[in-house]
Protein backbone atom coordinates (compact mmCIF):
# COMPACT_ATOMS: atom_id res chain seq x y z
CA MET A 1 -70.97 -82.38 -21.24
CA LYS A 2 -73.26 -85.31 -22.04
CA ASP A 3 -74.11 -85.88 -25.69
CA PRO A 4 -77.63 -84.87 -26.80
CA TYR A 5 -80.33 -87.50 -26.38
CA ARG A 6 -81.03 -89.14 -29.73
CA VAL A 7 -84.80 -89.36 -30.19
CA ILE A 8 -87.03 -91.16 -32.71
CA ILE A 9 -90.66 -90.04 -33.13
CA TRP A 10 -93.01 -92.88 -34.03
CA GLY A 11 -96.06 -91.24 -35.62
CA PRO A 12 -95.95 -87.48 -36.44
CA GLY A 13 -99.67 -86.78 -36.03
CA SER A 14 -101.03 -84.01 -33.81
CA VAL A 15 -99.12 -85.08 -30.68
CA GLY A 16 -96.04 -86.28 -32.58
CA THR A 17 -95.85 -82.92 -34.36
CA ALA A 18 -96.03 -81.13 -30.99
CA VAL A 19 -93.17 -83.33 -29.76
CA LEU A 20 -91.08 -82.45 -32.82
CA LYS A 21 -91.68 -78.74 -32.21
CA CYS A 22 -90.55 -79.16 -28.59
CA LEU A 23 -87.35 -80.93 -29.67
CA HIS A 24 -86.45 -78.83 -32.73
CA GLY A 25 -83.42 -76.61 -32.31
CA ARG A 26 -82.61 -77.64 -28.73
CA PRO A 27 -78.99 -78.51 -27.91
CA ASP A 28 -80.00 -81.32 -25.53
CA PHE A 29 -81.91 -83.37 -28.12
CA THR A 30 -81.18 -84.71 -31.58
CA ILE A 31 -84.04 -85.91 -33.77
CA ALA A 32 -82.62 -89.17 -35.10
CA GLY A 33 -85.60 -90.21 -37.20
CA VAL A 34 -89.37 -90.02 -37.70
CA LEU A 35 -91.61 -92.92 -38.76
CA CYS A 36 -94.72 -91.72 -40.56
CA HIS A 37 -97.73 -93.71 -41.75
CA SER A 38 -98.79 -91.58 -44.74
CA ASP A 39 -97.07 -91.85 -48.10
CA HIS A 40 -97.46 -88.14 -48.86
CA LYS A 41 -95.23 -87.28 -45.87
CA VAL A 42 -92.30 -89.48 -46.94
CA GLY A 43 -89.13 -87.57 -47.78
CA ILE A 44 -90.18 -84.26 -46.22
CA ASP A 45 -87.51 -82.74 -43.97
CA VAL A 46 -88.62 -82.76 -40.33
CA GLY A 47 -88.03 -79.03 -39.97
CA THR A 48 -90.00 -78.25 -43.11
CA TYR A 49 -92.81 -80.55 -41.95
CA ILE A 50 -93.31 -78.57 -38.73
CA GLY A 51 -92.77 -75.15 -40.32
CA ARG A 52 -89.25 -74.66 -38.95
CA ASP A 53 -85.71 -74.67 -40.36
CA PRO A 54 -84.66 -77.94 -42.08
CA ILE A 55 -82.50 -80.32 -40.01
CA GLY A 56 -81.35 -82.80 -42.64
CA VAL A 57 -83.57 -85.65 -41.41
CA ALA A 58 -86.51 -86.77 -43.56
CA LEU A 59 -89.74 -88.50 -42.57
CA SER A 60 -89.77 -92.19 -43.51
CA ASN A 61 -92.29 -95.02 -43.65
CA ASP A 62 -89.54 -97.67 -43.76
CA ARG A 63 -90.12 -99.43 -40.45
CA GLU A 64 -87.03 -101.62 -40.60
CA ALA A 65 -84.81 -98.63 -41.36
CA VAL A 66 -86.24 -96.82 -38.34
CA PHE A 67 -85.77 -99.91 -36.15
CA ALA A 68 -82.12 -99.93 -37.22
CA LEU A 69 -81.44 -96.31 -36.26
CA ASP A 70 -79.17 -95.52 -33.33
CA ALA A 71 -81.27 -93.78 -30.68
CA ASP A 72 -81.59 -93.46 -26.92
CA VAL A 73 -85.37 -93.31 -26.90
CA VAL A 74 -88.45 -93.67 -29.08
CA ILE A 75 -91.44 -91.43 -28.36
CA TYR A 76 -94.40 -93.49 -29.52
CA THR A 77 -97.43 -91.49 -30.66
CA GLY A 78 -99.03 -94.19 -32.76
CA MET A 79 -101.72 -93.69 -35.35
CA VAL A 80 -105.37 -93.85 -34.24
CA PRO A 81 -107.20 -96.21 -34.31
CA ILE A 82 -104.54 -98.20 -32.50
CA ASP A 83 -103.81 -101.78 -33.48
CA HIS A 84 -102.80 -102.90 -29.98
CA GLU A 85 -101.37 -106.25 -31.04
CA GLN A 86 -99.12 -104.63 -33.66
CA MET A 87 -98.21 -101.87 -31.20
CA ASP A 88 -97.11 -104.48 -28.63
CA ARG A 89 -94.97 -106.23 -31.24
CA ASP A 90 -93.34 -102.93 -32.24
CA ILE A 91 -92.73 -101.86 -28.64
CA LEU A 92 -91.20 -105.22 -27.68
CA GLN A 93 -88.91 -105.11 -30.72
CA LEU A 94 -87.82 -101.55 -29.90
CA LEU A 95 -87.13 -102.42 -26.26
CA ALA A 96 -85.22 -105.58 -27.13
CA SER A 97 -83.09 -103.60 -29.60
CA GLY A 98 -81.87 -101.36 -26.77
CA LYS A 99 -84.16 -98.38 -27.31
CA ASN A 100 -86.09 -96.93 -24.38
CA VAL A 101 -89.73 -96.17 -25.19
CA ILE A 102 -92.01 -93.39 -23.93
CA SER A 103 -95.59 -93.89 -25.09
CA ALA A 104 -98.59 -91.58 -25.34
CA SER A 105 -100.75 -94.49 -26.55
CA ALA A 106 -100.58 -97.11 -23.75
CA TYR A 107 -98.47 -98.68 -20.96
CA TRP A 108 -99.62 -96.46 -18.08
CA TYR A 109 -100.26 -99.56 -15.95
CA PRO A 110 -99.32 -102.77 -17.81
CA HIS A 111 -99.91 -104.86 -14.67
CA LEU A 112 -103.65 -104.54 -15.34
CA LYS A 113 -103.21 -107.02 -18.20
CA GLY A 114 -101.72 -109.70 -16.01
CA PRO A 115 -98.33 -111.18 -15.08
CA ASP A 116 -97.69 -112.85 -18.45
CA TYR A 117 -98.10 -109.55 -20.28
CA VAL A 118 -95.76 -107.79 -17.83
CA ALA A 119 -93.24 -110.64 -18.10
CA ARG A 120 -93.04 -110.17 -21.88
CA ILE A 121 -92.28 -106.48 -21.44
CA GLU A 122 -89.74 -107.05 -18.69
CA GLU A 123 -87.96 -109.74 -20.73
CA ALA A 124 -87.62 -107.36 -23.69
CA CYS A 125 -86.33 -104.66 -21.32
CA ARG A 126 -83.75 -107.03 -19.83
CA LYS A 127 -82.61 -108.10 -23.29
CA GLY A 128 -82.12 -104.53 -24.47
CA ARG A 129 -81.31 -102.97 -21.07
CA SER A 130 -84.14 -100.54 -21.78
CA SER A 131 -87.18 -99.03 -20.08
CA LEU A 132 -90.84 -98.37 -20.94
CA HIS A 133 -92.95 -95.47 -19.70
CA GLY A 134 -96.50 -94.28 -20.48
CA SER A 135 -97.29 -90.58 -20.11
CA GLY A 136 -99.17 -87.62 -21.58
CA GLU A 137 -101.73 -85.24 -20.15
CA LEU A 138 -104.75 -87.56 -19.61
CA PRO A 139 -104.03 -90.39 -19.14
CA GLY A 140 -100.98 -88.88 -17.56
CA VAL A 141 -100.01 -85.73 -15.72
CA PHE A 142 -103.37 -84.24 -14.74
CA LEU A 143 -104.53 -87.41 -13.00
CA ASP A 144 -101.47 -89.36 -11.91
CA ARG A 145 -99.42 -86.32 -10.88
CA VAL A 146 -101.52 -83.16 -10.41
CA ALA A 147 -104.58 -84.81 -8.84
CA MET A 148 -102.44 -87.21 -6.84
CA ALA A 149 -100.26 -84.38 -5.55
CA MET A 150 -103.46 -82.65 -4.39
CA THR A 151 -104.28 -85.64 -2.21
CA GLY A 152 -101.18 -84.67 -0.22
CA VAL A 153 -103.47 -82.54 1.99
CA CYS A 154 -105.87 -85.45 2.59
CA MET A 155 -105.36 -88.15 5.19
CA ASN A 156 -108.05 -90.19 3.43
CA VAL A 157 -109.70 -89.93 0.01
CA GLU A 158 -113.33 -90.88 -0.54
CA SER A 159 -113.56 -90.09 -4.26
CA LEU A 160 -111.72 -88.39 -7.10
CA ARG A 161 -113.30 -86.76 -10.14
CA LEU A 162 -111.52 -85.25 -13.16
CA GLU A 163 -113.31 -83.66 -16.11
CA GLU A 164 -111.48 -82.59 -19.25
CA TRP A 165 -112.56 -80.37 -22.13
CA PHE A 166 -110.37 -80.93 -25.21
CA ASP A 167 -110.70 -79.11 -28.52
CA VAL A 168 -110.24 -81.59 -31.39
CA SER A 169 -111.22 -79.18 -34.17
CA SER A 170 -107.62 -79.06 -35.46
CA LEU A 171 -107.68 -82.78 -36.30
CA PRO A 172 -108.02 -83.79 -39.97
CA VAL A 173 -111.72 -83.85 -40.77
CA PRO A 174 -111.77 -87.58 -41.75
CA LEU A 175 -110.22 -88.52 -38.39
CA MET A 176 -112.64 -86.23 -36.57
CA ASN A 177 -115.55 -87.86 -38.41
CA MET A 178 -114.20 -91.33 -37.61
CA PHE A 179 -114.46 -90.50 -33.90
CA GLY A 180 -118.06 -89.31 -34.37
CA LEU A 181 -117.62 -85.53 -34.43
CA GLY A 182 -118.85 -83.20 -37.18
CA VAL A 183 -121.33 -85.84 -38.41
CA PRO A 184 -125.08 -86.40 -37.91
CA GLU A 185 -125.97 -88.02 -34.60
CA ALA A 186 -126.94 -91.29 -36.32
CA ALA A 187 -123.45 -91.55 -37.82
CA ALA A 188 -121.88 -90.69 -34.47
CA SER A 189 -123.87 -93.48 -32.83
CA GLN A 190 -122.26 -95.89 -35.30
CA ALA A 191 -118.74 -94.48 -34.81
CA VAL A 192 -118.65 -94.36 -31.02
CA PRO A 193 -118.77 -98.17 -30.45
CA MET A 194 -115.48 -98.36 -32.39
CA VAL A 195 -113.87 -95.66 -30.23
CA GLU A 196 -115.11 -96.77 -26.80
CA PRO A 197 -112.97 -99.96 -26.48
CA MET A 198 -109.80 -97.99 -27.24
CA LEU A 199 -110.65 -95.38 -24.61
CA LEU A 200 -111.83 -97.91 -22.04
CA ARG A 201 -108.54 -99.78 -22.36
CA ALA A 202 -106.58 -96.58 -21.70
CA TYR A 203 -108.65 -95.25 -18.81
CA HIS A 204 -109.02 -98.63 -17.12
CA GLU A 205 -105.21 -98.65 -16.94
CA GLU A 206 -104.98 -95.11 -15.59
CA ILE A 207 -107.77 -95.50 -13.02
CA SER A 208 -106.33 -98.84 -11.89
CA LEU A 209 -102.94 -97.20 -11.30
CA ILE A 210 -104.56 -94.58 -9.06
CA ALA A 211 -106.74 -97.16 -7.28
CA HIS A 212 -103.65 -99.21 -6.51
CA THR A 213 -101.90 -96.13 -5.11
CA LEU A 214 -104.79 -94.73 -3.06
CA PHE A 215 -106.66 -97.85 -1.97
CA GLU A 216 -104.28 -100.74 -2.66
CA ALA A 217 -107.22 -102.37 -4.39
CA PRO A 218 -108.33 -103.27 -7.93
CA THR A 219 -111.11 -101.41 -9.70
CA ASP A 220 -113.76 -102.16 -12.28
CA VAL A 221 -114.42 -99.44 -14.86
CA ARG A 222 -117.54 -98.82 -16.92
CA ILE A 223 -118.13 -96.27 -19.69
CA ALA A 224 -121.11 -94.17 -20.80
CA THR A 225 -121.20 -91.85 -23.83
CA THR A 226 -123.45 -88.91 -24.69
CA PHE A 227 -123.59 -86.37 -27.56
CA GLU A 228 -124.22 -82.68 -28.08
CA VAL A 229 -125.45 -81.35 -31.42
CA SER A 230 -124.59 -77.83 -32.61
CA ASP A 231 -127.38 -75.29 -33.08
CA GLY A 232 -125.23 -73.08 -35.30
CA PRO A 233 -122.34 -73.32 -37.80
CA ILE A 234 -118.88 -74.29 -36.52
CA ALA A 235 -115.75 -72.78 -38.08
CA LEU A 236 -112.77 -75.16 -38.07
CA PRO A 237 -109.15 -73.90 -37.95
CA GLY A 238 -108.41 -75.11 -41.49
CA GLY A 239 -111.06 -72.84 -42.98
CA THR A 240 -113.89 -75.40 -43.20
CA THR A 241 -117.26 -74.42 -41.73
CA LEU A 242 -119.61 -77.15 -40.55
CA PRO A 243 -123.38 -76.56 -40.85
CA PRO A 244 -125.71 -76.70 -37.80
CA GLY A 245 -127.16 -79.99 -36.64
CA LEU A 246 -123.94 -81.99 -36.46
CA VAL A 247 -122.32 -83.55 -33.38
CA SER A 248 -120.13 -80.87 -31.77
CA MET A 249 -119.33 -82.62 -28.48
CA LEU A 250 -118.71 -86.20 -27.42
CA ARG A 251 -118.78 -86.86 -23.69
CA PHE A 252 -117.18 -90.08 -22.45
CA GLY A 253 -117.69 -90.89 -18.78
CA PHE A 254 -115.59 -93.52 -16.98
CA ILE A 255 -116.67 -94.71 -13.54
CA GLY A 256 -114.20 -96.66 -11.40
CA THR A 257 -115.59 -98.88 -8.65
CA VAL A 258 -113.54 -100.14 -5.71
CA GLY A 259 -115.38 -102.92 -3.94
CA SER A 260 -119.04 -101.91 -4.23
CA GLU A 261 -118.44 -98.14 -4.20
CA ASP A 262 -117.91 -95.67 -7.05
CA ARG A 263 -114.62 -93.96 -6.20
CA PHE A 264 -113.47 -92.45 -9.49
CA GLU A 265 -115.09 -90.50 -12.29
CA ILE A 266 -113.16 -89.39 -15.36
CA VAL A 267 -115.13 -87.38 -17.94
CA LEU A 268 -113.74 -86.53 -21.38
CA ASN A 269 -115.43 -83.81 -23.40
CA TRP A 270 -114.17 -83.90 -26.99
CA SER A 271 -115.40 -80.66 -28.49
CA LEU A 272 -115.21 -78.57 -31.63
CA GLY A 273 -113.94 -75.16 -30.57
CA LYS A 274 -114.14 -75.18 -26.77
CA PRO A 275 -110.76 -74.36 -25.13
CA GLU A 276 -108.78 -76.92 -23.17
CA ARG A 277 -109.68 -77.09 -19.50
CA TRP A 278 -109.41 -79.55 -16.61
CA GLN A 279 -111.46 -79.61 -13.38
CA ILE A 280 -110.28 -81.81 -10.51
CA GLU A 281 -112.45 -82.57 -7.48
CA ILE A 282 -111.28 -84.59 -4.49
CA GLU A 283 -113.62 -85.53 -1.67
CA GLY A 284 -111.29 -86.16 1.23
CA ASP A 285 -110.70 -85.94 4.96
CA PRO A 286 -109.96 -83.52 6.61
CA VAL A 287 -109.78 -81.43 3.40
CA SER A 288 -111.70 -81.62 0.13
CA LEU A 289 -110.48 -79.76 -2.94
CA ARG A 290 -111.60 -78.41 -6.31
CA ALA A 291 -109.18 -77.03 -8.91
CA ASP A 292 -109.86 -75.47 -12.32
CA ILE A 293 -107.01 -75.45 -14.83
CA HIS A 294 -107.20 -73.60 -18.15
CA ALA A 295 -104.64 -73.92 -20.94
CA PHE A 296 -103.37 -71.10 -23.14
CA ALA A 297 -100.45 -70.54 -25.46
CA THR A 298 -99.88 -67.35 -23.51
CA LEU A 299 -101.73 -65.59 -20.70
CA LYS A 300 -101.14 -62.27 -22.47
CA GLY A 301 -104.62 -61.75 -23.81
CA ASP A 302 -105.57 -65.35 -23.01
CA GLN A 303 -104.34 -66.44 -26.44
CA ARG A 304 -104.79 -70.10 -27.36
CA PHE A 305 -102.28 -69.97 -30.22
CA ARG A 306 -99.02 -68.16 -30.82
CA ALA A 307 -98.39 -66.42 -34.14
CA GLY A 308 -97.56 -68.97 -36.83
CA ASP A 309 -98.23 -72.02 -34.63
CA THR A 310 -101.43 -74.00 -35.15
CA THR A 311 -100.70 -76.63 -32.47
CA CYS A 312 -103.26 -76.30 -29.67
CA PRO A 313 -102.28 -76.11 -25.97
CA GLY A 314 -103.81 -79.53 -25.31
CA HIS A 315 -101.48 -81.25 -27.75
CA TYR A 316 -98.49 -79.46 -26.23
CA ALA A 317 -99.74 -80.51 -22.78
CA THR A 318 -99.59 -84.10 -24.03
CA ALA A 319 -96.21 -83.73 -25.73
CA VAL A 320 -94.21 -81.93 -23.04
CA PRO A 321 -94.48 -84.69 -20.38
CA LEU A 322 -93.21 -87.16 -22.98
CA VAL A 323 -90.17 -84.98 -23.67
CA GLN A 324 -89.50 -84.19 -20.02
CA ALA A 325 -89.51 -87.90 -19.19
CA ILE A 326 -86.58 -88.66 -21.51
CA PRO A 327 -83.70 -88.17 -19.03
CA GLN A 328 -85.41 -90.16 -16.28
CA VAL A 329 -86.43 -93.03 -18.55
CA VAL A 330 -83.01 -93.25 -20.20
CA ALA A 331 -81.34 -93.32 -16.77
CA ALA A 332 -83.79 -95.82 -15.24
CA GLN A 333 -83.03 -99.46 -14.53
CA PRO A 334 -84.41 -101.83 -17.18
CA GLY A 335 -88.15 -102.35 -16.84
CA ILE A 336 -91.41 -100.43 -16.53
CA VAL A 337 -91.15 -96.83 -15.26
CA TYR A 338 -94.19 -95.45 -13.44
CA PRO A 339 -94.92 -91.77 -12.59
CA THR A 340 -93.13 -90.35 -9.56
CA ILE A 341 -95.67 -89.14 -7.01
CA PHE A 342 -94.20 -86.93 -4.29
CA THR A 343 -97.02 -87.35 -1.78
CA SER A 344 -100.42 -89.02 -1.94
CA ALA A 345 -103.08 -90.35 0.37
CA LYS A 346 -102.36 -93.86 1.63
CA LYS A 347 -104.39 -96.34 3.59
CA ASP A 348 -101.38 -96.94 5.86
CA TYR A 349 -98.48 -94.47 5.86
CA ARG A 350 -96.10 -97.18 7.10
CA THR A 351 -96.28 -98.54 3.53
CA LEU A 352 -95.15 -95.26 1.93
């Protein structure tokens, strides 16, 4: 039987913690190391950190020691806000060292950044005989797999819309405030311009990937942001209660234009306390579709959390695609690995 996949987690925040919980105790994976960014986490056993049995591997902030570890794959869940230049340097070093990388932070469609950027990645992959893959839930599975699979009943697609509701109330309060949530609207208005470029970079990649698949054409993407302010107190999972009058919802809208027509709309609702949900709408020919997807820890009583587990369904929905991609990415030829789409609408089916 094949040896377990040796996995490094780069950044044990909300998503990285969910990944660790998915890997812990499984015979098919070994957690080889965890790079953290906070001094107070250093030295804590991985199992203890996630509330499980110890495994004999401690969290470390020694980057060079983590680079030197023997591993099949690194799951990159980098710290927000993302320093993209440093992230690129880290990813290229990991790839060149022979480690495959699966990222929740970028690399859904590197070709958007031009041939020189792609050439740097491919050269590192050739040097290390490694592969790079971007995944998650959105950007990721709900658009590039679920929505695209739905277009399998459409001969042509006119437009695609996906709206997400994501509960961020389990984030550390300082990080939540940095995004512009749980603060007065004036403070949110100052925070959002720092967040928008990070999001626009990610969703321009994802929408461009879909535009290339559906229309074989590039797309321009613009962003618009709105706020909602709470009219009552908001209880956070950690026991903190926010007073009324603070921002309780951020709504980021991304519009993708192909030629002169708006073809894509992706709407993110970052909320305090509203359950995770995704709505997909496809205007197509001869069939148009609408799907509503709700996330729970268990359907028994519609519970959002299981006993003793504070990780929300949305973070697991981001983590699981990263874990499930490990065998395919490790087995792939050196280079960039894109999502596998079983069927999708095409302008000309002879090109499929």
